[in-house]
Amino acid sequence: CPMGSYNDLYCTTGDGLLVQELLAGEEYSVNFVSTGGRHYLTDAQRYDKGPCFRILQTEWVVPDPAVVQYGKRVLDVLGVREGASHLEIMVTLERGPVLVELNARIAGGSTSLVSQKAIV
């Protein structure tokens, strides 16, 4: 798409542009279920996005405890107390874990079944 325009999943176009810092490191999808302000890890995956930032491969992992603790702190700071949450966290050499995005929802794709089972 030309700079300044985009096509989304609904085939609409827009003229806004969001710029995000380019981070180097390993990216993780980390999913939690929270109740009463306590956060429980349901699953995690490591992404390989390749040069075009499209997910080429994912692998189920047990993340480093620092990634899990960072995710829990993010949820606390943002006031997430109940329900599912999906975080994407990049672990950089310079800064350690860095939040890429957070969605207060069940993760998409094949991981949603894992989160749904954890909620029940």
PDB file of N, CA and C in Angstrom:
ATOM      1  N   CYS A   1       0.846  -1.190   0.000  1.00  0.00           N
ATOM      2  CA  CYS A   1       0.000   0.000   0.000  1.00  0.00           C
ATOM      3  C   CYS A   1       0.884   1.243   0.000  1.00  0.00           C
ATOM      4  N   PRO A   2       0.461   2.291  -0.645  1.00  0.00           N
ATOM      5  CA  PRO A   2       1.232   3.535  -0.599  1.00  0.00           C
ATOM      6  C   PRO A   2       1.268   4.097   0.817  1.00  0.00           C
ATOM      7  N   MET A   3       2.339   4.793   1.149  1.00  0.00           N
ATOM      8  CA  MET A   3       2.472   5.407   2.472  1.00  0.00           C
ATOM      9  C   MET A   3       1.292   6.334   2.729  1.00  0.00           C
ATOM     10  N   GLY A   4       0.688   6.207   3.902  1.00  0.00           N
ATOM     11  CA  GLY A   4      -0.422   7.078   4.250  1.00  0.00           C
ATOM     12  C   GLY A   4      -1.783   6.495   3.905  1.00  0.00           C
ATOM     13  N   SER A   5      -1.820   5.310   3.298  1.00  0.00           N
ATOM     14  CA  SER A   5      -3.107   4.655   3.058  1.00  0.00           C
ATOM     15  C   SER A   5      -2.959   3.193   3.465  1.00  0.00           C
ATOM     16  N   TYR A   6      -4.059   2.537   3.706  1.00  0.00           N
ATOM     17  CA  TYR A   6      -4.000   1.137   4.091  1.00  0.00           C
ATOM     18  C   TYR A   6      -5.304   0.467   3.724  1.00  0.00           C
ATOM     19  N   ASN A   7      -5.276  -0.842   3.686  1.00  0.00           N
ATOM     20  CA  ASN A   7      -6.471  -1.659   3.517  1.00  0.00           C
ATOM     21  C   ASN A   7      -6.548  -2.566   4.726  1.00  0.00           C
ATOM     22  N   ASP A   8      -7.699  -2.627   5.364  1.00  0.00           N
ATOM     23  CA  ASP A   8      -7.833  -3.512   6.509  1.00  0.00           C
ATOM     24  C   ASP A   8      -8.618  -4.754   6.109  1.00  0.00           C
ATOM     25  N   LEU A   9      -8.955  -5.580   7.084  1.00  0.00           N
ATOM     26  CA  LEU A   9      -9.670  -6.824   6.801  1.00  0.00           C
ATOM     27  C   LEU A   9     -11.044  -6.596   6.186  1.00  0.00           C
ATOM     28  N   TYR A  10     -11.599  -5.391   6.376  1.00  0.00           N
ATOM     29  CA  TYR A  10     -12.934  -5.108   5.873  1.00  0.00           C
ATOM     30  C   TYR A  10     -12.896  -4.344   4.552  1.00  0.00           C
ATOM     31  N   CYS A  11     -11.715  -4.287   3.943  1.00  0.00           N
ATOM     32  CA  CYS A  11     -11.526  -3.644   2.640  1.00  0.00           C
ATOM     33  C   CYS A  11     -11.853  -2.158   2.660  1.00  0.00           C
ATOM     34  N   THR A  12     -11.620  -1.519   3.784  1.00  0.00           N
ATOM     35  CA  THR A  12     -11.785  -0.074   3.847  1.00  0.00           C
ATOM     36  C   THR A  12     -10.408   0.567   3.790  1.00  0.00           C
ATOM     37  N   THR A  13     -10.362   1.820   3.447  1.00  0.00           N
ATOM     38  CA  THR A  13      -9.090   2.527   3.407  1.00  0.00           C
ATOM     39  C   THR A  13      -9.141   3.688   4.383  1.00  0.00           C
ATOM     40  N   GLY A  14      -7.981   4.143   4.765  1.00  0.00           N
ATOM     41  CA  GLY A  14      -7.899   5.258   5.685  1.00  0.00           C
ATOM     42  C   GLY A  14      -6.655   6.063   5.398  1.00  0.00           C
ATOM     43  N   ASP A  15      -6.550   7.182   6.050  1.00  0.00           N
ATOM     44  CA  ASP A  15      -5.390   8.020   5.805  1.00  0.00           C
ATOM     45  C   ASP A  15      -4.546   8.226   7.054  1.00  0.00           C
ATOM     46  N   GLY A  16      -4.811   7.458   8.115  1.00  0.00           N
ATOM     47  CA  GLY A  16      -4.015   7.557   9.332  1.00  0.00           C
ATOM     48  C   GLY A  16      -2.820   6.630   9.269  1.00  0.00           C
ATOM     49  N   LEU A  17      -1.841   6.929  10.076  1.00  0.00           N
ATOM     50  CA  LEU A  17      -0.638   6.113  10.123  1.00  0.00           C
ATOM     51  C   LEU A  17      -0.146   6.064  11.561  1.00  0.00           C
ATOM     52  N   LEU A  18       0.102   4.872  12.063  1.00  0.00           N
ATOM     53  CA  LEU A  18       0.633   4.681  13.404  1.00  0.00           C
ATOM     54  C   LEU A  18       2.084   4.255  13.283  1.00  0.00           C
ATOM     55  N   VAL A  19       2.965   4.944  13.954  1.00  0.00           N
ATOM     56  CA  VAL A  19       4.386   4.615  13.915  1.00  0.00           C
ATOM     57  C   VAL A  19       4.752   3.966  15.233  1.00  0.00           C
ATOM     58  N   GLN A  20       5.439   2.837  15.153  1.00  0.00           N
ATOM     59  CA  GLN A  20       5.826   2.101  16.343  1.00  0.00           C
ATOM     60  C   GLN A  20       7.341   1.902  16.321  1.00  0.00           C
ATOM     61  N   GLU A  21       7.952   1.971  17.478  1.00  0.00           N
ATOM     62  CA  GLU A  21       9.386   1.744  17.589  1.00  0.00           C
ATOM     63  C   GLU A  21       9.743   0.357  17.074  1.00  0.00           C
ATOM     64  N   LEU A  22      10.820   0.260  16.299  1.00  0.00           N
ATOM     65  CA  LEU A  22      11.313  -1.027  15.829  1.00  0.00           C
ATOM     66  C   LEU A  22      12.179  -1.626  16.924  1.00  0.00           C
ATOM     67  N   LEU A  23      11.749  -2.764  17.452  1.00  0.00           N
ATOM     68  CA  LEU A  23      12.465  -3.432  18.531  1.00  0.00           C
ATOM     69  C   LEU A  23      13.152  -4.683  17.991  1.00  0.00           C
ATOM     70  N   ALA A  24      14.338  -4.956  18.467  1.00  0.00           N
ATOM     71  CA  ALA A  24      15.064  -6.167  18.089  1.00  0.00           C
ATOM     72  C   ALA A  24      15.099  -7.094  19.287  1.00  0.00           C
ATOM     73  N   GLY A  25      14.757  -8.350  19.065  1.00  0.00           N
ATOM     74  CA  GLY A  25      14.782  -9.332  20.144  1.00  0.00           C
ATOM     75  C   GLY A  25      13.846 -10.480  19.839  1.00  0.00           C
ATOM     76  N   GLU A  26      13.471 -11.209  20.868  1.00  0.00           N
ATOM     77  CA  GLU A  26      12.524 -12.313  20.725  1.00  0.00           C
ATOM     78  C   GLU A  26      11.148 -11.832  21.157  1.00  0.00           C
ATOM     79  N   GLU A  27      10.145 -12.111  20.316  1.00  0.00           N
ATOM     80  CA  GLU A  27       8.782 -11.675  20.633  1.00  0.00           C
ATOM     81  C   GLU A  27       7.947 -12.855  21.111  1.00  0.00           C
ATOM     82  N   TYR A  28       7.188 -12.587  22.165  1.00  0.00           N
ATOM     83  CA  TYR A  28       6.343 -13.607  22.772  1.00  0.00           C
ATOM     84  C   TYR A  28       4.887 -13.155  22.787  1.00  0.00           C
ATOM     85  N   SER A  29       4.007 -14.096  22.577  1.00  0.00           N
ATOM     86  CA  SER A  29       2.583 -13.926  22.827  1.00  0.00           C
ATOM     87  C   SER A  29       2.334 -14.602  24.172  1.00  0.00           C
ATOM     88  N   VAL A  30       1.875 -13.812  25.150  1.00  0.00           N
ATOM     89  CA  VAL A  30       1.708 -14.313  26.511  1.00  0.00           C
ATOM     90  C   VAL A  30       0.260 -14.065  26.915  1.00  0.00           C
ATOM     91  N   ASN A  31      -0.425 -15.126  27.320  1.00  0.00           N
ATOM     92  CA  ASN A  31      -1.847 -15.034  27.615  1.00  0.00           C
ATOM     93  C   ASN A  31      -2.122 -15.367  29.077  1.00  0.00           C
ATOM     94  N   PHE A  32      -3.003 -14.564  29.651  1.00  0.00           N
ATOM     95  CA  PHE A  32      -3.356 -14.713  31.062  1.00  0.00           C
ATOM     96  C   PHE A  32      -4.867 -14.761  31.220  1.00  0.00           C
ATOM     97  N   VAL A  33      -5.291 -15.321  32.338  1.00  0.00           N
ATOM     98  CA  VAL A  33      -6.661 -15.192  32.822  1.00  0.00           C
ATOM     99  C   VAL A  33      -6.548 -14.592  34.221  1.00  0.00           C
ATOM    100  N   SER A  34      -7.343 -13.560  34.490  1.00  0.00           N
ATOM    101  CA  SER A  34      -7.265 -12.865  35.778  1.00  0.00           C
ATOM    102  C   SER A  34      -8.583 -12.982  36.523  1.00  0.00           C
ATOM    103  N   THR A  35      -8.469 -13.092  37.827  1.00  0.00           N
ATOM    104  CA  THR A  35      -9.641 -13.071  38.685  1.00  0.00           C
ATOM    105  C   THR A  35      -9.231 -12.438  40.015  1.00  0.00           C
ATOM    106  N   GLY A  36     -10.032 -11.484  40.465  1.00  0.00           N
ATOM    107  CA  GLY A  36      -9.731 -10.805  41.712  1.00  0.00           C
ATOM    108  C   GLY A  36      -8.374 -10.114  41.709  1.00  0.00           C
ATOM    109  N   GLY A  37      -7.896  -9.722  40.546  1.00  0.00           N
ATOM    110  CA  GLY A  37      -6.610  -9.053  40.450  1.00  0.00           C
ATOM    111  C   GLY A  37      -5.408  -9.984  40.453  1.00  0.00           C
ATOM    112  N   ARG A  38      -5.652 -11.287  40.493  1.00  0.00           N
ATOM    113  CA  ARG A  38      -4.556 -12.267  40.402  1.00  0.00           C
ATOM    114  C   ARG A  38      -4.506 -12.784  38.974  1.00  0.00           C
ATOM    115  N   HIS A  39      -3.307 -12.880  38.420  1.00  0.00           N
ATOM    116  CA  HIS A  39      -3.127 -13.213  37.014  1.00  0.00           C
ATOM    117  C   HIS A  39      -2.491 -14.595  36.877  1.00  0.00           C
ATOM    118  N   TYR A  40      -3.103 -15.429  36.031  1.00  0.00           N
ATOM    119  CA  TYR A  40      -2.633 -16.795  35.831  1.00  0.00           C
ATOM    120  C   TYR A  40      -2.253 -16.982  34.366  1.00  0.00           C
ATOM    121  N   LEU A  41      -1.015 -17.376  34.132  1.00  0.00           N
ATOM    122  CA  LEU A  41      -0.543 -17.650  32.781  1.00  0.00           C
ATOM    123  C   LEU A  41      -1.276 -18.866  32.229  1.00  0.00           C
ATOM    124  N   THR A  42      -1.854 -18.748  31.034  1.00  0.00           N
ATOM    125  CA  THR A  42      -2.508 -19.899  30.408  1.00  0.00           C
ATOM    126  C   THR A  42      -1.606 -20.545  29.367  1.00  0.00           C
ATOM    127  N   ASP A  43      -0.874 -19.728  28.616  1.00  0.00           N
ATOM    128  CA  ASP A  43      -0.007 -20.264  27.570  1.00  0.00           C
ATOM    129  C   ASP A  43       0.878 -19.153  27.029  1.00  0.00           C
ATOM    130  N   ALA A  44       1.891 -19.553  26.288  1.00  0.00           N
ATOM    131  CA  ALA A  44       2.794 -18.583  25.670  1.00  0.00           C
ATOM    132  C   ALA A  44       3.372 -19.185  24.402  1.00  0.00           C
ATOM    133  N   GLN A  45       3.645 -18.318  23.449  1.00  0.00           N
ATOM    134  CA  GLN A  45       4.276 -18.720  22.199  1.00  0.00           C
ATOM    135  C   GLN A  45       5.389 -17.742  21.870  1.00  0.00           C
ATOM    136  N   ARG A  46       6.407 -18.243  21.175  1.00  0.00           N
ATOM    137  CA  ARG A  46       7.458 -17.375  20.651  1.00  0.00           C
ATOM    138  C   ARG A  46       7.189 -17.220  19.155  1.00  0.00           C
ATOM    139  N   TYR A  47       7.271 -15.972  18.674  1.00  0.00           N
ATOM    140  CA  TYR A  47       7.019 -15.666  17.266  1.00  0.00           C
ATOM    141  C   TYR A  47       8.316 -15.592  16.485  1.00  0.00           C
ATOM    142  N   ASP A  48       8.256 -16.015  15.237  1.00  0.00           N
ATOM    143  CA  ASP A  48       9.287 -15.697  14.252  1.00  0.00           C
ATOM    144  C   ASP A  48       8.562 -14.958  13.143  1.00  0.00           C
ATOM    145  N   LYS A  49       8.780 -13.649  13.052  1.00  0.00           N
ATOM    146  CA  LYS A  49       8.041 -12.830  12.102  1.00  0.00           C
ATOM    147  C   LYS A  49       8.747 -12.619  10.772  1.00  0.00           C
ATOM    148  N   GLY A  50      10.012 -12.894  10.690  1.00  0.00           N
ATOM    149  CA  GLY A  50      10.705 -12.727   9.425  1.00  0.00           C
ATOM    150  C   GLY A  50      10.857 -11.263   9.032  1.00  0.00           C
ATOM    151  N   PRO A  51      11.443 -11.017   7.855  1.00  0.00           N
ATOM    152  CA  PRO A  51      11.772  -9.646   7.455  1.00  0.00           C
ATOM    153  C   PRO A  51      10.567  -8.770   7.127  1.00  0.00           C
ATOM    154  N   CYS A  52       9.425  -9.343   6.825  1.00  0.00           N
ATOM    155  CA  CYS A  52       8.240  -8.547   6.449  1.00  0.00           C
ATOM    156  C   CYS A  52       7.246  -8.415   7.596  1.00  0.00           C
ATOM    157  N   PHE A  53       7.647  -8.795   8.804  1.00  0.00           N
ATOM    158  CA  PHE A  53       6.823  -8.665  10.006  1.00  0.00           C
ATOM    159  C   PHE A  53       5.524  -9.463   9.923  1.00  0.00           C
ATOM    160  N   ARG A  54       5.546 -10.538   9.176  1.00  0.00           N
ATOM    161  CA  ARG A  54       4.420 -11.472   9.135  1.00  0.00           C
ATOM    162  C   ARG A  54       4.845 -12.708   9.914  1.00  0.00           C
ATOM    163  N   ILE A  55       3.923 -13.253  10.693  1.00  0.00           N
ATOM    164  CA  ILE A  55       4.270 -14.411  11.511  1.00  0.00           C
ATOM    165  C   ILE A  55       4.545 -15.602  10.594  1.00  0.00           C
ATOM    166  N   LEU A  56       5.783 -16.087  10.639  1.00  0.00           N
ATOM    167  CA  LEU A  56       6.179 -17.231   9.831  1.00  0.00           C
ATOM    168  C   LEU A  56       6.032 -18.524  10.612  1.00  0.00           C
ATOM    169  N   GLN A  57       6.282 -18.434  11.908  1.00  0.00           N
ATOM    170  CA  GLN A  57       6.267 -19.636  12.722  1.00  0.00           C
ATOM    171  C   GLN A  57       6.018 -19.249  14.170  1.00  0.00           C
ATOM    172  N   THR A  58       5.289 -20.095  14.869  1.00  0.00           N
ATOM    173  CA  THR A  58       5.130 -19.925  16.310  1.00  0.00           C
ATOM    174  C   THR A  58       5.516 -21.227  16.978  1.00  0.00           C
ATOM    175  N   GLU A  59       5.962 -21.108  18.195  1.00  0.00           N
ATOM    176  CA  GLU A  59       6.300 -22.305  18.949  1.00  0.00           C
ATOM    177  C   GLU A  59       5.823 -22.116  20.376  1.00  0.00           C
ATOM    178  N   TRP A  60       5.134 -23.134  20.918  1.00  0.00           N
ATOM    179  CA  TRP A  60       4.697 -23.101  22.302  1.00  0.00           C
ATOM    180  C   TRP A  60       5.919 -23.134  23.194  1.00  0.00           C
ATOM    181  N   VAL A  61       5.963 -22.273  24.190  1.00  0.00           N
ATOM    182  CA  VAL A  61       7.129 -22.203  25.072  1.00  0.00           C
ATOM    183  C   VAL A  61       6.689 -21.988  26.508  1.00  0.00           C
ATOM    184  N   VAL A  62       7.606 -22.288  27.418  1.00  0.00           N
ATOM    185  CA  VAL A  62       7.487 -21.849  28.796  1.00  0.00           C
ATOM    186  C   VAL A  62       8.408 -20.640  28.875  1.00  0.00           C
ATOM    187  N   PRO A  63       7.830 -19.435  28.954  1.00  0.00           N
ATOM    188  CA  PRO A  63       8.670 -18.236  28.898  1.00  0.00           C
ATOM    189  C   PRO A  63       9.519 -18.062  30.145  1.00  0.00           C
ATOM    190  N   ASP A  64      10.558 -17.291  29.991  1.00  0.00           N
ATOM    191  CA  ASP A  64      11.403 -16.914  31.120  1.00  0.00           C
ATOM    192  C   ASP A  64      10.514 -16.288  32.194  1.00  0.00           C
ATOM    193  N   PRO A  65      10.739 -16.601  33.462  1.00  0.00           N
ATOM    194  CA  PRO A  65       9.918 -16.016  34.525  1.00  0.00           C
ATOM    195  C   PRO A  65       9.883 -14.484  34.492  1.00  0.00           C
ATOM    196  N   ALA A  66      10.943 -13.844  33.992  1.00  0.00           N
ATOM    197  CA  ALA A  66      10.954 -12.382  33.905  1.00  0.00           C
ATOM    198  C   ALA A  66       9.880 -11.881  32.946  1.00  0.00           C
ATOM    199  N   VAL A  67       9.601 -12.642  31.883  1.00  0.00           N
ATOM    200  CA  VAL A  67       8.557 -12.265  30.922  1.00  0.00           C
ATOM    201  C   VAL A  67       7.189 -12.374  31.584  1.00  0.00           C
ATOM    202  N   VAL A  68       6.968 -13.449  32.330  1.00  0.00           N
ATOM    203  CA  VAL A  68       5.688 -13.651  33.022  1.00  0.00           C
ATOM    204  C   VAL A  68       5.479 -12.557  34.072  1.00  0.00           C
ATOM    205  N   GLN A  69       6.499 -12.270  34.863  1.00  0.00           N
ATOM    206  CA  GLN A  69       6.387 -11.223  35.892  1.00  0.00           C
ATOM    207  C   GLN A  69       6.140  -9.861  35.255  1.00  0.00           C
ATOM    208  N   TYR A  70       6.813  -9.577  34.158  1.00  0.00           N
ATOM    209  CA  TYR A  70       6.604  -8.313  33.449  1.00  0.00           C
ATOM    210  C   TYR A  70       5.147  -8.217  32.974  1.00  0.00           C
ATOM    211  N   GLY A  71       4.635  -9.295  32.390  1.00  0.00           N
ATOM    212  CA  GLY A  71       3.239  -9.304  31.944  1.00  0.00           C
ATOM    213  C   GLY A  71       2.267  -9.055  33.084  1.00  0.00           C
ATOM    214  N   LYS A  72       2.513  -9.670  34.223  1.00  0.00           N
ATOM    215  CA  LYS A  72       1.653  -9.463  35.387  1.00  0.00           C
ATOM    216  C   LYS A  72       1.711  -8.021  35.871  1.00  0.00           C
ATOM    217  N   ARG A  73       2.909  -7.428  35.865  1.00  0.00           N
ATOM    218  CA  ARG A  73       3.041  -6.020  36.283  1.00  0.00           C
ATOM    219  C   ARG A  73       2.285  -5.101  35.323  1.00  0.00           C
ATOM    220  N   VAL A  74       2.370  -5.386  34.012  1.00  0.00           N
ATOM    221  CA  VAL A  74       1.632  -4.582  33.031  1.00  0.00           C
ATOM    222  C   VAL A  74       0.137  -4.654  33.320  1.00  0.00           C
ATOM    223  N   LEU A  75      -0.373  -5.857  33.575  1.00  0.00           N
ATOM    224  CA  LEU A  75      -1.797  -6.014  33.867  1.00  0.00           C
ATOM    225  C   LEU A  75      -2.180  -5.243  35.128  1.00  0.00           C
ATOM    226  N   ASP A  76      -1.344  -5.296  36.146  1.00  0.00           N
ATOM    227  CA  ASP A  76      -1.613  -4.550  37.383  1.00  0.00           C
ATOM    228  C   ASP A  76      -1.651  -3.048  37.118  1.00  0.00           C
ATOM    229  N   VAL A  77      -0.635  -2.539  36.430  1.00  0.00           N
ATOM    230  CA  VAL A  77      -0.543  -1.094  36.175  1.00  0.00           C
ATOM    231  C   VAL A  77      -1.734  -0.598  35.356  1.00  0.00           C
ATOM    232  N   LEU A  78      -2.190  -1.413  34.418  1.00  0.00           N
ATOM    233  CA  LEU A  78      -3.312  -1.005  33.568  1.00  0.00           C
ATOM    234  C   LEU A  78      -4.672  -1.334  34.182  1.00  0.00           C
ATOM    235  N   GLY A  79      -4.684  -1.921  35.369  1.00  0.00           N
ATOM    236  CA  GLY A  79      -5.938  -2.141  36.087  1.00  0.00           C
ATOM    237  C   GLY A  79      -6.754  -3.330  35.613  1.00  0.00           C
ATOM    238  N   VAL A  80      -6.119  -4.277  34.950  1.00  0.00           N
ATOM    239  CA  VAL A  80      -6.838  -5.487  34.516  1.00  0.00           C
ATOM    240  C   VAL A  80      -6.999  -6.382  35.739  1.00  0.00           C
ATOM    241  N   ARG A  81      -8.251  -6.644  36.119  1.00  0.00           N
ATOM    242  CA  ARG A  81      -8.512  -7.445  37.310  1.00  0.00           C
ATOM    243  C   ARG A  81      -9.281  -8.725  37.015  1.00  0.00           C
ATOM    244  N   GLU A  82     -10.046  -8.736  35.936  1.00  0.00           N
ATOM    245  CA  GLU A  82     -10.896  -9.888  35.625  1.00  0.00           C
ATOM    246  C   GLU A  82     -10.818 -10.208  34.130  1.00  0.00           C
ATOM    247  N   GLY A  83     -10.872 -11.494  33.807  1.00  0.00           N
ATOM    248  CA  GLY A  83     -11.002 -11.907  32.414  1.00  0.00           C
ATOM    249  C   GLY A  83      -9.690 -12.274  31.742  1.00  0.00           C
ATOM    250  N   ALA A  84      -9.811 -12.507  30.451  1.00  0.00           N
ATOM    251  CA  ALA A  84      -8.668 -12.927  29.645  1.00  0.00           C
ATOM    252  C   ALA A  84      -7.886 -11.722  29.144  1.00  0.00           C
ATOM    253  N   SER A  85      -6.601 -11.934  28.905  1.00  0.00           N
ATOM    254  CA  SER A  85      -5.775 -10.885  28.305  1.00  0.00           C
ATOM    255  C   SER A  85      -4.703 -11.525  27.436  1.00  0.00           C
ATOM    256  N   HIS A  86      -4.383 -10.819  26.374  1.00  0.00           N
ATOM    257  CA  HIS A  86      -3.378 -11.258  25.398  1.00  0.00           C
ATOM    258  C   HIS A  86      -2.330 -10.165  25.293  1.00  0.00           C
ATOM    259  N   LEU A  87      -1.089 -10.488  25.623  1.00  0.00           N
ATOM    260  CA  LEU A  87       0.004  -9.527  25.558  1.00  0.00           C
ATOM    261  C   LEU A  87       1.029 -10.000  24.537  1.00  0.00           C
ATOM    262  N   GLU A  88       1.611  -9.058  23.844  1.00  0.00           N
ATOM    263  CA  GLU A  88       2.765  -9.351  23.011  1.00  0.00           C
ATOM    264  C   GLU A  88       3.930  -8.573  23.606  1.00  0.00           C
ATOM    265  N   ILE A  89       4.981  -9.306  23.926  1.00  0.00           N
ATOM    266  CA  ILE A  89       6.123  -8.752  24.641  1.00  0.00           C
ATOM    267  C   ILE A  89       7.393  -9.077  23.862  1.00  0.00           C
ATOM    268  N   MET A  90       8.191  -8.055  23.604  1.00  0.00           N
ATOM    269  CA  MET A  90       9.486  -8.243  22.954  1.00  0.00           C
ATOM    270  C   MET A  90      10.559  -8.202  24.036  1.00  0.00           C
ATOM    271  N   VAL A  91      11.422  -9.203  24.043  1.00  0.00           N
ATOM    272  CA  VAL A  91      12.542  -9.223  24.989  1.00  0.00           C
ATOM    273  C   VAL A  91      13.777  -8.727  24.236  1.00  0.00           C
ATOM    274  N   THR A  92      14.247  -7.543  24.614  1.00  0.00           N
ATOM    275  CA  THR A  92      15.393  -6.927  23.945  1.00  0.00           C
ATOM    276  C   THR A  92      16.645  -7.096  24.808  1.00  0.00           C
ATOM    277  N   LEU A  93      17.786  -7.060  24.173  1.00  0.00           N
ATOM    278  CA  LEU A  93      19.051  -7.142  24.914  1.00  0.00           C
ATOM    279  C   LEU A  93      19.273  -5.897  25.752  1.00  0.00           C
ATOM    280  N   GLU A  94      18.901  -4.740  25.214  1.00  0.00           N
ATOM    281  CA  GLU A  94      19.179  -3.471  25.881  1.00  0.00           C
ATOM    282  C   GLU A  94      18.250  -3.189  27.055  1.00  0.00           C
ATOM    283  N   ARG A  95      16.952  -3.475  26.885  1.00  0.00           N
ATOM    284  CA  ARG A  95      15.956  -3.047  27.879  1.00  0.00           C
ATOM    285  C   ARG A  95      15.221  -4.188  28.546  1.00  0.00           C
ATOM    286  N   GLY A  96      15.454  -5.402  28.137  1.00  0.00           N
ATOM    287  CA  GLY A  96      14.685  -6.516  28.676  1.00  0.00           C
ATOM    288  C   GLY A  96      13.299  -6.546  28.054  1.00  0.00           C
ATOM    289  N   PRO A  97      12.269  -7.002  28.789  1.00  0.00           N
ATOM    290  CA  PRO A  97      10.914  -7.070  28.220  1.00  0.00           C
ATOM    291  C   PRO A  97      10.337  -5.686  27.933  1.00  0.00           C
ATOM    292  N   VAL A  98       9.692  -5.567  26.760  1.00  0.00           N
ATOM    293  CA  VAL A  98       9.035  -4.326  26.348  1.00  0.00           C
ATOM    294  C   VAL A  98       7.653  -4.697  25.811  1.00  0.00           C
ATOM    295  N   LEU A  99       6.621  -3.999  26.273  1.00  0.00           N
ATOM    296  CA  LEU A  99       5.259  -4.261  25.804  1.00  0.00           C
ATOM    297  C   LEU A  99       5.094  -3.796  24.368  1.00  0.00           C
ATOM    298  N   VAL A 100       4.613  -4.685  23.511  1.00  0.00           N
ATOM    299  CA  VAL A 100       4.299  -4.347  22.121  1.00  0.00           C
ATOM    300  C   VAL A 100       2.806  -4.048  22.010  1.00  0.00           C
ATOM    301  N   GLU A 101       1.988  -4.904  22.599  1.00  0.00           N
ATOM    302  CA  GLU A 101       0.545  -4.642  22.616  1.00  0.00           C
ATOM    303  C   GLU A 101      -0.126  -5.450  23.710  1.00  0.00           C
ATOM    304  N   LEU A 102      -1.301  -4.980  24.108  1.00  0.00           N
ATOM    305  CA  LEU A 102      -2.130  -5.682  25.073  1.00  0.00           C
ATOM    306  C   LEU A 102      -3.571  -5.596  24.604  1.00  0.00           C
ATOM    307  N   ASN A 103      -4.255  -6.721  24.654  1.00  0.00           N
ATOM    308  CA  ASN A 103      -5.677  -6.769  24.345  1.00  0.00           C
ATOM    309  C   ASN A 103      -6.381  -7.473  25.491  1.00  0.00           C
ATOM    310  N   ALA A 104      -7.390  -6.837  26.045  1.00  0.00           N
ATOM    311  CA  ALA A 104      -8.153  -7.430  27.142  1.00  0.00           C
ATOM    312  C   ALA A 104      -9.217  -8.346  26.534  1.00  0.00           C
ATOM    313  N   ARG A 105      -8.742  -9.466  26.002  1.00  0.00           N
ATOM    314  CA  ARG A 105      -9.609 -10.439  25.324  1.00  0.00           C
ATOM    315  C   ARG A 105      -8.892 -11.776  25.261  1.00  0.00           C
ATOM    316  N   ILE A 106      -9.632 -12.803  24.909  1.00  0.00           N
ATOM    317  CA  ILE A 106      -9.027 -14.113  24.657  1.00  0.00           C
ATOM    318  C   ILE A 106      -8.182 -14.001  23.404  1.00  0.00           C
ATOM    319  N   ALA A 107      -7.038 -14.662  23.406  1.00  0.00           N
ATOM    320  CA  ALA A 107      -6.165 -14.656  22.234  1.00  0.00           C
ATOM    321  C   ALA A 107      -6.879 -15.273  21.040  1.00  0.00           C
ATOM    322  N   GLY A 108      -6.470 -14.867  19.857  1.00  0.00           N
ATOM    323  CA  GLY A 108      -7.049 -15.417  18.628  1.00  0.00           C
ATOM    324  C   GLY A 108      -6.358 -16.698  18.213  1.00  0.00           C
ATOM    325  N   GLY A 109      -6.817 -17.247  17.115  1.00  0.00           N
ATOM    326  CA  GLY A 109      -6.187 -18.441  16.557  1.00  0.00           C
ATOM    327  C   GLY A 109      -6.335 -19.651  17.458  1.00  0.00           C
ATOM    328  N   SER A 110      -5.356 -20.548  17.371  1.00  0.00           N
ATOM    329  CA  SER A 110      -5.423 -21.816  18.099  1.00  0.00           C
ATOM    330  C   SER A 110      -5.290 -21.641  19.603  1.00  0.00           C
ATOM    331  N   THR A 111      -4.767 -20.519  20.059  1.00  0.00           N
ATOM    332  CA  THR A 111      -4.588 -20.333  21.500  1.00  0.00           C
ATOM    333  C   THR A 111      -5.886 -20.016  22.217  1.00  0.00           C
ATOM    334  N   SER A 112      -6.918 -19.611  21.506  1.00  0.00           N
ATOM    335  CA  SER A 112      -8.156 -19.237  22.188  1.00  0.00           C
ATOM    336  C   SER A 112      -8.759 -20.411  22.945  1.00  0.00           C
ATOM    337  N   LEU A 113      -8.616 -21.616  22.439  1.00  0.00           N
ATOM    338  CA  LEU A 113      -9.159 -22.785  23.120  1.00  0.00           C
ATOM    339  C   LEU A 113      -8.477 -22.978  24.475  1.00  0.00           C
ATOM    340  N   VAL A 114      -7.169 -22.747  24.535  1.00  0.00           N
ATOM    341  CA  VAL A 114      -6.440 -22.878  25.794  1.00  0.00           C
ATOM    342  C   VAL A 114      -6.981 -21.889  26.820  1.00  0.00           C
ATOM    343  N   SER A 115      -7.152 -20.641  26.421  1.00  0.00           N
ATOM    344  CA  SER A 115      -7.672 -19.622  27.343  1.00  0.00           C
ATOM    345  C   SER A 115      -9.096 -19.918  27.749  1.00  0.00           C
ATOM    346  N   GLN A 116      -9.913 -20.378  26.802  1.00  0.00           N
ATOM    347  CA  GLN A 116     -11.301 -20.704  27.136  1.00  0.00           C
ATOM    348  C   GLN A 116     -11.365 -21.801  28.186  1.00  0.00           C
ATOM    349  N   LYS A 117     -10.526 -22.801  28.065  1.00  0.00           N
ATOM    350  CA  LYS A 117     -10.502 -23.902  29.053  1.00  0.00           C
ATOM    351  C   LYS A 117     -10.062 -23.400  30.408  1.00  0.00           C
ATOM    352  N   ALA A 118      -9.129 -22.420  30.433  1.00  0.00           N
ATOM    353  CA  ALA A 118      -8.644 -21.876  31.696  1.00  0.00           C
ATOM    354  C   ALA A 118      -9.713 -21.057  32.403  1.00  0.00           C
ATOM    355  N   ILE A 119     -10.627 -20.458  31.645  1.00  0.00           N
ATOM    356  CA  ILE A 119     -11.676 -19.625  32.228  1.00  0.00           C
ATOM    357  C   ILE A 119     -12.752 -20.466  32.869  1.00  0.00           C
ATOM    358  N   VAL A 120     -13.040 -21.622  32.319  1.00  0.00           N
ATOM    359  CA  VAL A 120     -14.136 -22.458  32.801  1.00  0.00           C
ATOM    360  C   VAL A 120     -13.859 -23.041  34.154  1.00  0.00           C
TER     361      VAL A 120
END
